[in-house]
Amino acid sequence: MITPGVTEAILEFGVTSEAPLLPGISTISELMVGYNLGYREFKFFPAEVAGGIPALKAFSGPFPDVTFCPTGGIRRNTAKDYLALKNVSAVGGTWLTPGDAVASGDWGQISEIVRGSLGDL
């Protein structure tokens, strides 16, 4: 399960659920609540509005063992910059799956979009 945000109830449910949870956070305080419950992987949403790359760099200081999947405002031309951060394991964005490509099952086009988003990584 991937959430856009968190509540204590969601985090506590995720600890006992059989389904893995990637809780969405946008502040260091939300990260700290999840961290206290054992979470080390988070969705960072909305990434660009919540501080983007500078915020993720700042989070890495006190939380070097936490990784993120930023979404929200990430673009094809900025994905590689996020992926270059040590604490980013993946990125997400709507540019990856254009509606027409999904509808027609053009997985080759989607694969090419992904490859193009990686830059020189």
Foldseek 3Di string as FASTA:
>chain_A
DEDQADDLVVLVCQLPDPDHYAYEDLDVVRVVSSVVSPDQEHEHPQQVVSPHPVVVVVSCPVRVSHAYAYHRPADLQCQQVQVVDPRYDYYDYPVLDPPVCVVVVVVVVSVVSVVSSNPPD
